[in-house]
Amino acid sequence: MASSRRRPDAEPRKPELPAAWGLRERKKQKTRMAIQREAMRLFQEQGYDATTIEQIAEAVEISPSTFFNYFPSKEDVVLSDPYDPLFISLFLARPSDEPLSLSLRHAMNEGLGAIFQQDRDLILARSKLIMSVPALRGRIWDDLVRSRELFCSVLAERVGRDAGDYELRVMTMMVISAVMEASLEWVRTDGRGDLLELVNRALDVVDAGGLGAIETPPAGSPEIA
């Protein structure tokens, strides 16, 4: 029977603000990527359900217990990536007085563009797998909520609103949904288009809806120190 067990003491990961990656973190990320690439190779060769955690660990020459140091479950090998923390780091580096739309574009285009090209095949394979495996599709909403909480906390500080502000949450989900829809369109065409171009087109639609609407605190609301 295929092993897809979850570490018993593993709790859902809470969103954390990213810190600058040092040498130790880069080494950990390199190992995570090696596990993910070998896992994806095995999933494509023999199927997701038929692939066990023990087989993935053996392919990377680590123990199953070491696997759990990097991923709490087999599902997380497919769903996890470093893009959200990296995007947040790039966004936080933008000037605080820069229009929000421009900060988002710069963080996306200047920082993630090269990574999307470098990891193109892996991103495409992961996306196809997520869409085809029910257990993975079932995790999408949890990941969207986690991303919303992370981005809301960062944007709230930037625009002077509470992280639970309704308009802020709406706009955050608009941005996340736009990026997700661009990714789905890219997968639908089997990766033949430019993912970054599709993301920018999706963000054009968000801009038309008014990202500037959340940059000014609502009338009558108290200022946030």
C-alpha atoms as a PDB file:
ATOM      1  CA  MET A   1       0.000   0.000   0.000  1.00  0.00           C
ATOM      2  CA  ALA A   2       1.395   3.395  -0.987  1.00  0.00           C
ATOM      3  CA  SER A   3       2.644   5.452   1.933  1.00  0.00           C
ATOM      4  CA  SER A   4       1.290   8.988   2.065  1.00  0.00           C
ATOM      5  CA  ARG A   5       1.191   9.277   5.830  1.00  0.00           C
ATOM      6  CA  ARG A   6       1.519  12.602   7.591  1.00  0.00           C
ATOM      7  CA  ARG A   7       3.900  13.054  10.486  1.00  0.00           C
ATOM      8  CA  PRO A   8       1.694  12.593  13.561  1.00  0.00           C
ATOM      9  CA  ASP A   9       2.832  15.765  15.321  1.00  0.00           C
ATOM     10  CA  ALA A  10       2.756  17.925  12.206  1.00  0.00           C
ATOM     11  CA  GLU A  11       0.505  20.955  12.496  1.00  0.00           C
ATOM     12  CA  PRO A  12      -0.577  23.157   9.566  1.00  0.00           C
ATOM     13  CA  ARG A  13       2.158  25.671   8.933  1.00  0.00           C
ATOM     14  CA  LYS A  14       1.296  29.214   9.864  1.00  0.00           C
ATOM     15  CA  PRO A  15       2.358  31.967   7.479  1.00  0.00           C
ATOM     16  CA  GLU A  16       5.586  33.630   8.494  1.00  0.00           C
ATOM     17  CA  LEU A  17       7.210  36.747   7.199  1.00  0.00           C
ATOM     18  CA  PRO A  18      10.356  35.801   5.290  1.00  0.00           C
ATOM     19  CA  ALA A  19      13.793  36.743   6.491  1.00  0.00           C
ATOM     20  CA  ALA A  20      16.897  37.159   4.351  1.00  0.00           C
ATOM     21  CA  TRP A  21      18.176  33.724   3.445  1.00  0.00           C
ATOM     22  CA  GLY A  22      21.600  32.885   4.847  1.00  0.00           C
ATOM     23  CA  LEU A  23      23.914  30.043   3.869  1.00  0.00           C
ATOM     24  CA  ARG A  24      22.153  27.539   6.115  1.00  0.00           C
ATOM     25  CA  GLU A  25      18.740  28.391   4.697  1.00  0.00           C
ATOM     26  CA  ARG A  26      20.057  28.170   1.126  1.00  0.00           C
ATOM     27  CA  LYS A  27      21.428  24.686   1.852  1.00  0.00           C
ATOM     28  CA  LYS A  28      18.087  23.631   3.301  1.00  0.00           C
ATOM     29  CA  GLN A  29      16.291  25.014   0.272  1.00  0.00           C
ATOM     30  CA  LYS A  30      18.682  23.128  -2.039  1.00  0.00           C
ATOM     31  CA  THR A  31      17.840  19.887  -0.237  1.00  0.00           C
ATOM     32  CA  ARG A  32      14.122  20.652  -0.397  1.00  0.00           C
ATOM     33  CA  MET A  33      14.372  21.205  -4.138  1.00  0.00           C
ATOM     34  CA  ALA A  34      16.285  17.939  -4.577  1.00  0.00           C
ATOM     35  CA  ILE A  35      13.564  16.053  -2.706  1.00  0.00           C
ATOM     36  CA  GLN A  36      10.874  17.749  -4.745  1.00  0.00           C
ATOM     37  CA  ARG A  37      12.547  17.068  -8.091  1.00  0.00           C
ATOM     38  CA  GLU A  38      13.111  13.386  -7.318  1.00  0.00           C
ATOM     39  CA  ALA A  39       9.555  13.079  -6.045  1.00  0.00           C
ATOM     40  CA  MET A  40       8.173  14.644  -9.209  1.00  0.00           C
ATOM     41  CA  ARG A  41      10.286  12.278 -11.327  1.00  0.00           C
ATOM     42  CA  LEU A  42       8.873   9.289  -9.465  1.00  0.00           C
ATOM     43  CA  PHE A  43       5.313  10.624  -9.640  1.00  0.00           C
ATOM     44  CA  GLN A  44       5.619  10.988 -13.405  1.00  0.00           C
ATOM     45  CA  GLU A  45       7.234   7.565 -13.850  1.00  0.00           C
ATOM     46  CA  GLN A  46       4.998   5.442 -11.633  1.00  0.00           C
ATOM     47  CA  GLY A  47       2.084   7.632 -10.549  1.00  0.00           C
ATOM     48  CA  TYR A  48       1.388   9.715  -7.469  1.00  0.00           C
ATOM     49  CA  ASP A  49      -0.543   7.113  -5.478  1.00  0.00           C
ATOM     50  CA  ALA A  50       1.964   4.354  -6.221  1.00  0.00           C
ATOM     51  CA  THR A  51       4.939   6.395  -5.020  1.00  0.00           C
ATOM     52  CA  THR A  52       5.858   6.081  -1.355  1.00  0.00           C
ATOM     53  CA  ILE A  53       7.737   8.405   0.952  1.00  0.00           C
ATOM     54  CA  GLU A  54      10.309   5.634   1.403  1.00  0.00           C
ATOM     55  CA  GLN A  55      10.952   5.575  -2.361  1.00  0.00           C
ATOM     56  CA  ILE A  56      11.352   9.341  -2.494  1.00  0.00           C
ATOM     57  CA  ALA A  57      13.779   9.289   0.436  1.00  0.00           C
ATOM     58  CA  GLU A  58      15.804   6.487  -1.153  1.00  0.00           C
ATOM     59  CA  ALA A  59      16.052   8.403  -4.446  1.00  0.00           C
ATOM     60  CA  VAL A  60      17.513  11.425  -2.633  1.00  0.00           C
ATOM     61  CA  GLU A  61      19.678   9.217  -0.393  1.00  0.00           C
ATOM     62  CA  ILE A  62      18.108  10.384   2.842  1.00  0.00           C
ATOM     63  CA  SER A  63      16.096   8.570   5.515  1.00  0.00           C
ATOM     64  CA  PRO A  64      12.293   8.822   5.727  1.00  0.00           C
ATOM     65  CA  SER A  65      12.712  10.653   9.036  1.00  0.00           C
ATOM     66  CA  THR A  66      14.895  13.234   7.297  1.00  0.00           C
ATOM     67  CA  PHE A  67      12.200  13.607   4.650  1.00  0.00           C
ATOM     68  CA  PHE A  68       9.824  14.705   7.403  1.00  0.00           C
ATOM     69  CA  ASN A  69      12.275  17.409   8.442  1.00  0.00           C
ATOM     70  CA  TYR A  70      11.534  19.087   5.107  1.00  0.00           C
ATOM     71  CA  PHE A  71       7.953  18.090   4.278  1.00  0.00           C
ATOM     72  CA  PRO A  72       5.184  17.076   6.710  1.00  0.00           C
ATOM     73  CA  SER A  73       3.488  14.847   4.112  1.00  0.00           C
ATOM     74  CA  LYS A  74       3.732  13.523   0.571  1.00  0.00           C
ATOM     75  CA  GLU A  75       1.146  16.072  -0.531  1.00  0.00           C
ATOM     76  CA  ASP A  76       3.392  18.909   0.646  1.00  0.00           C
ATOM     77  CA  VAL A  77       6.185  17.777  -1.667  1.00  0.00           C
ATOM     78  CA  VAL A  78       3.966  18.830  -4.553  1.00  0.00           C
ATOM     79  CA  LEU A  79       2.261  21.831  -2.981  1.00  0.00           C
ATOM     80  CA  SER A  80       5.220  23.537  -1.295  1.00  0.00           C
ATOM     81  CA  ASP A  81       7.442  26.056  -3.023  1.00  0.00           C
ATOM     82  CA  PRO A  82       9.561  29.081  -2.016  1.00  0.00           C
ATOM     83  CA  TYR A  83       7.788  31.572  -4.249  1.00  0.00           C
ATOM     84  CA  ASP A  84       5.503  33.253  -1.696  1.00  0.00           C
ATOM     85  CA  PRO A  85       8.311  34.073   0.781  1.00  0.00           C
ATOM     86  CA  LEU A  86      10.575  35.199  -2.040  1.00  0.00           C
ATOM     87  CA  PHE A  87       7.864  37.430  -3.503  1.00  0.00           C
ATOM     88  CA  ILE A  88       7.226  38.967  -0.078  1.00  0.00           C
ATOM     89  CA  SER A  89      10.943  39.667   0.377  1.00  0.00           C
ATOM     90  CA  LEU A  90      11.087  41.409  -2.995  1.00  0.00           C
ATOM     91  CA  PHE A  91       7.892  43.347  -2.292  1.00  0.00           C
ATOM     92  CA  LEU A  92       9.144  44.563   1.091  1.00  0.00           C
ATOM     93  CA  ALA A  93      12.312  45.832  -0.571  1.00  0.00           C
ATOM     94  CA  ARG A  94      10.330  48.265  -2.738  1.00  0.00           C
ATOM     95  CA  PRO A  95      10.083  51.969  -1.723  1.00  0.00           C
ATOM     96  CA  SER A  96       7.250  52.507   0.747  1.00  0.00           C
ATOM     97  CA  ASP A  97       5.920  55.499  -1.199  1.00  0.00           C
ATOM     98  CA  GLU A  98       5.766  53.607  -4.496  1.00  0.00           C
ATOM     99  CA  PRO A  99       2.248  52.935  -5.828  1.00  0.00           C
ATOM    100  CA  LEU A 100       1.104  49.510  -4.695  1.00  0.00           C
ATOM    101  CA  SER A 101       0.499  48.297  -8.232  1.00  0.00           C
ATOM    102  CA  LEU A 102       4.060  49.155  -9.272  1.00  0.00           C
ATOM    103  CA  SER A 103       5.531  47.423  -6.227  1.00  0.00           C
ATOM    104  CA  LEU A 104       3.624  44.258  -7.050  1.00  0.00           C
ATOM    105  CA  ARG A 105       4.734  44.378 -10.684  1.00  0.00           C
ATOM    106  CA  HIS A 106       8.383  44.997  -9.855  1.00  0.00           C
ATOM    107  CA  ALA A 107       8.473  42.188  -7.309  1.00  0.00           C
ATOM    108  CA  MET A 108       6.868  39.831  -9.812  1.00  0.00           C
ATOM    109  CA  ASN A 109       8.747  40.811 -12.962  1.00  0.00           C
ATOM    110  CA  GLU A 110      12.215  41.586 -11.650  1.00  0.00           C
ATOM    111  CA  GLY A 111      12.432  38.874  -9.042  1.00  0.00           C
ATOM    112  CA  LEU A 112      10.314  35.930 -10.099  1.00  0.00           C
ATOM    113  CA  GLY A 113      10.611  36.152 -13.885  1.00  0.00           C
ATOM    114  CA  ALA A 114      13.990  34.431 -14.038  1.00  0.00           C
ATOM    115  CA  ILE A 115      12.912  31.832 -11.484  1.00  0.00           C
ATOM    116  CA  PHE A 116       9.790  30.987 -13.470  1.00  0.00           C
ATOM    117  CA  GLN A 117      11.996  30.371 -16.486  1.00  0.00           C
ATOM    118  CA  GLN A 118      14.506  28.317 -14.494  1.00  0.00           C
ATOM    119  CA  ASP A 119      11.840  26.163 -12.822  1.00  0.00           C
ATOM    120  CA  ARG A 120       9.447  26.085 -15.776  1.00  0.00           C
ATOM    121  CA  ASP A 121       9.291  22.309 -16.207  1.00  0.00           C
ATOM    122  CA  LEU A 122       8.964  21.682 -12.478  1.00  0.00           C
ATOM    123  CA  ILE A 123       6.205  24.287 -12.083  1.00  0.00           C
ATOM    124  CA  LEU A 124       4.296  22.835 -15.030  1.00  0.00           C
ATOM    125  CA  ALA A 125       4.615  19.261 -13.772  1.00  0.00           C
ATOM    126  CA  ARG A 126       3.530  20.241 -10.257  1.00  0.00           C
ATOM    127  CA  SER A 127       0.557  22.218 -11.552  1.00  0.00           C
ATOM    128  CA  LYS A 128      -0.645  19.345 -13.744  1.00  0.00           C
ATOM    129  CA  LEU A 129      -0.341  16.926 -10.850  1.00  0.00           C
ATOM    130  CA  ILE A 130      -2.277  19.191  -8.496  1.00  0.00           C
ATOM    131  CA  MET A 131      -5.102  19.440 -11.004  1.00  0.00           C
ATOM    132  CA  SER A 132      -5.248  15.674 -11.574  1.00  0.00           C
ATOM    133  CA  VAL A 133      -4.961  14.263  -8.032  1.00  0.00           C
ATOM    134  CA  PRO A 134      -8.054  14.742  -5.810  1.00  0.00           C
ATOM    135  CA  ALA A 135      -6.024  14.743  -2.570  1.00  0.00           C
ATOM    136  CA  LEU A 136      -3.940  17.623  -3.895  1.00  0.00           C
ATOM    137  CA  ARG A 137      -6.874  19.584  -5.307  1.00  0.00           C
ATOM    138  CA  GLY A 138      -8.485  19.339  -1.901  1.00  0.00           C
ATOM    139  CA  ARG A 139      -5.581  21.230  -0.360  1.00  0.00           C
ATOM    140  CA  ILE A 140      -5.777  24.209  -2.718  1.00  0.00           C
ATOM    141  CA  TRP A 141      -8.239  26.195  -0.606  1.00  0.00           C
ATOM    142  CA  ASP A 142      -6.113  25.808   2.536  1.00  0.00           C
ATOM    143  CA  ASP A 143      -3.098  27.101   0.629  1.00  0.00           C
ATOM    144  CA  LEU A 144      -5.077  30.041  -0.757  1.00  0.00           C
ATOM    145  CA  VAL A 145      -6.212  31.031   2.736  1.00  0.00           C
ATOM    146  CA  ARG A 146      -2.653  30.763   4.031  1.00  0.00           C
ATOM    147  CA  SER A 147      -1.400  32.984   1.208  1.00  0.00           C
ATOM    148  CA  ARG A 148      -4.189  35.482   1.858  1.00  0.00           C
ATOM    149  CA  GLU A 149      -3.238  35.754   5.530  1.00  0.00           C
ATOM    150  CA  LEU A 150       0.416  36.239   4.674  1.00  0.00           C
ATOM    151  CA  PHE A 151      -0.184  38.882   2.002  1.00  0.00           C
ATOM    152  CA  CYS A 152      -2.821  40.681   4.069  1.00  0.00           C
ATOM    153  CA  SER A 153      -0.408  41.085   6.968  1.00  0.00           C
ATOM    154  CA  VAL A 154       2.253  42.534   4.670  1.00  0.00           C
ATOM    155  CA  LEU A 155      -0.104  44.795   2.718  1.00  0.00           C
ATOM    156  CA  ALA A 156      -1.808  46.013   5.903  1.00  0.00           C
ATOM    157  CA  GLU A 157       1.462  47.384   7.214  1.00  0.00           C
ATOM    158  CA  ARG A 158       2.221  48.965   3.862  1.00  0.00           C
ATOM    159  CA  VAL A 159      -1.112  50.767   3.404  1.00  0.00           C
ATOM    160  CA  GLY A 160      -1.950  51.519   7.026  1.00  0.00           C
ATOM    161  CA  ARG A 161      -4.929  49.234   7.456  1.00  0.00           C
ATOM    162  CA  ASP A 162      -5.748  46.412   9.822  1.00  0.00           C
ATOM    163  CA  ALA A 163      -4.929  42.949   8.446  1.00  0.00           C
ATOM    164  CA  GLY A 164      -8.576  41.971   8.923  1.00  0.00           C
ATOM    165  CA  ASP A 165      -9.877  44.939   6.924  1.00  0.00           C
ATOM    166  CA  TYR A 166     -12.606  43.743   4.581  1.00  0.00           C
ATOM    167  CA  GLU A 167     -11.564  45.755   1.495  1.00  0.00           C
ATOM    168  CA  LEU A 168      -7.958  44.695   2.026  1.00  0.00           C
ATOM    169  CA  ARG A 169      -8.942  41.026   2.149  1.00  0.00           C
ATOM    170  CA  VAL A 170     -11.057  41.398  -0.977  1.00  0.00           C
ATOM    171  CA  MET A 171      -8.253  43.045  -2.935  1.00  0.00           C
ATOM    172  CA  THR A 172      -5.702  40.520  -1.702  1.00  0.00           C
ATOM    173  CA  MET A 173      -7.844  37.645  -2.924  1.00  0.00           C
ATOM    174  CA  MET A 174      -8.288  39.440  -6.239  1.00  0.00           C
ATOM    175  CA  VAL A 175      -4.507  39.487  -6.712  1.00  0.00           C
ATOM    176  CA  ILE A 176      -4.070  35.871  -5.587  1.00  0.00           C
ATOM    177  CA  SER A 177      -6.960  34.697  -7.771  1.00  0.00           C
ATOM    178  CA  ALA A 178      -5.569  36.605 -10.748  1.00  0.00           C
ATOM    179  CA  VAL A 179      -2.194  34.891 -10.409  1.00  0.00           C
ATOM    180  CA  MET A 180      -3.897  31.519  -9.960  1.00  0.00           C
ATOM    181  CA  GLU A 181      -6.064  32.018 -13.033  1.00  0.00           C
ATOM    182  CA  ALA A 182      -3.000  32.972 -15.060  1.00  0.00           C
ATOM    183  CA  SER A 183      -1.318  29.763 -13.890  1.00  0.00           C
ATOM    184  CA  LEU A 184      -4.364  27.681 -14.841  1.00  0.00           C
ATOM    185  CA  GLU A 185      -4.420  29.239 -18.304  1.00  0.00           C
ATOM    186  CA  TRP A 186      -0.710  28.478 -18.695  1.00  0.00           C
ATOM    187  CA  VAL A 187      -1.284  24.852 -17.704  1.00  0.00           C
ATOM    188  CA  ARG A 188      -4.303  24.617 -20.035  1.00  0.00           C
ATOM    189  CA  THR A 189      -2.030  25.484 -22.969  1.00  0.00           C
ATOM    190  CA  ASP A 190       0.572  22.967 -21.739  1.00  0.00           C
ATOM    191  CA  GLY A 191       2.997  25.740 -20.836  1.00  0.00           C
ATOM    192  CA  ARG A 192       3.316  27.012 -24.392  1.00  0.00           C
ATOM    193  CA  GLY A 193       2.793  30.651 -23.436  1.00  0.00           C
ATOM    194  CA  ASP A 194       4.746  32.995 -21.209  1.00  0.00           C
ATOM    195  CA  LEU A 195       3.584  32.537 -17.615  1.00  0.00           C
ATOM    196  CA  LEU A 196       4.835  35.949 -16.535  1.00  0.00           C
ATOM    197  CA  GLU A 197       3.013  37.638 -19.413  1.00  0.00           C
ATOM    198  CA  LEU A 198      -0.203  35.893 -18.406  1.00  0.00           C
ATOM    199  CA  VAL A 199       0.292  37.007 -14.801  1.00  0.00           C
ATOM    200  CA  ASN A 200       0.773  40.595 -15.921  1.00  0.00           C
ATOM    201  CA  ARG A 201      -2.365  40.442 -18.056  1.00  0.00           C
ATOM    202  CA  ALA A 202      -4.283  39.139 -15.057  1.00  0.00           C
ATOM    203  CA  LEU A 203      -2.895  41.944 -12.897  1.00  0.00           C
ATOM    204  CA  ASP A 204      -4.049  44.431 -15.557  1.00  0.00           C
ATOM    205  CA  VAL A 205      -7.569  43.268 -14.817  1.00  0.00           C
ATOM    206  CA  VAL A 206      -6.993  43.752 -11.088  1.00  0.00           C
ATOM    207  CA  ASP A 207      -5.608  47.232 -11.729  1.00  0.00           C
ATOM    208  CA  ALA A 208      -8.728  48.078 -13.673  1.00  0.00           C
ATOM    209  CA  GLY A 209     -10.680  47.147 -10.550  1.00  0.00           C
ATOM    210  CA  GLY A 210      -8.711  49.633  -8.519  1.00  0.00           C
ATOM    211  CA  LEU A 211      -5.763  48.553  -6.401  1.00  0.00           C
ATOM    212  CA  GLY A 212      -5.602  52.185  -5.383  1.00  0.00           C
ATOM    213  CA  ALA A 213      -8.873  51.723  -3.514  1.00  0.00           C
ATOM    214  CA  ILE A 214      -7.085  50.112  -0.574  1.00  0.00           C
ATOM    215  CA  GLU A 215      -4.178  52.542  -0.434  1.00  0.00           C
ATOM    216  CA  THR A 216      -6.328  55.171   1.276  1.00  0.00           C
ATOM    217  CA  PRO A 217      -7.909  54.305   4.655  1.00  0.00           C
ATOM    218  CA  PRO A 218     -11.711  54.295   4.498  1.00  0.00           C
ATOM    219  CA  ALA A 219     -13.519  57.456   5.583  1.00  0.00           C
ATOM    220  CA  GLY A 220     -14.159  57.614   9.288  1.00  0.00           C
ATOM    221  CA  SER A 221     -11.708  54.856  10.169  1.00  0.00           C
ATOM    222  CA  PRO A 222      -9.143  55.506  12.908  1.00  0.00           C
ATOM    223  CA  GLU A 223      -5.549  55.883  11.848  1.00  0.00           C
ATOM    224  CA  ILE A 224      -3.294  52.930  12.578  1.00  0.00           C
ATOM    225  CA  ALA A 225      -0.127  53.895  14.380  1.00  0.00           C
END
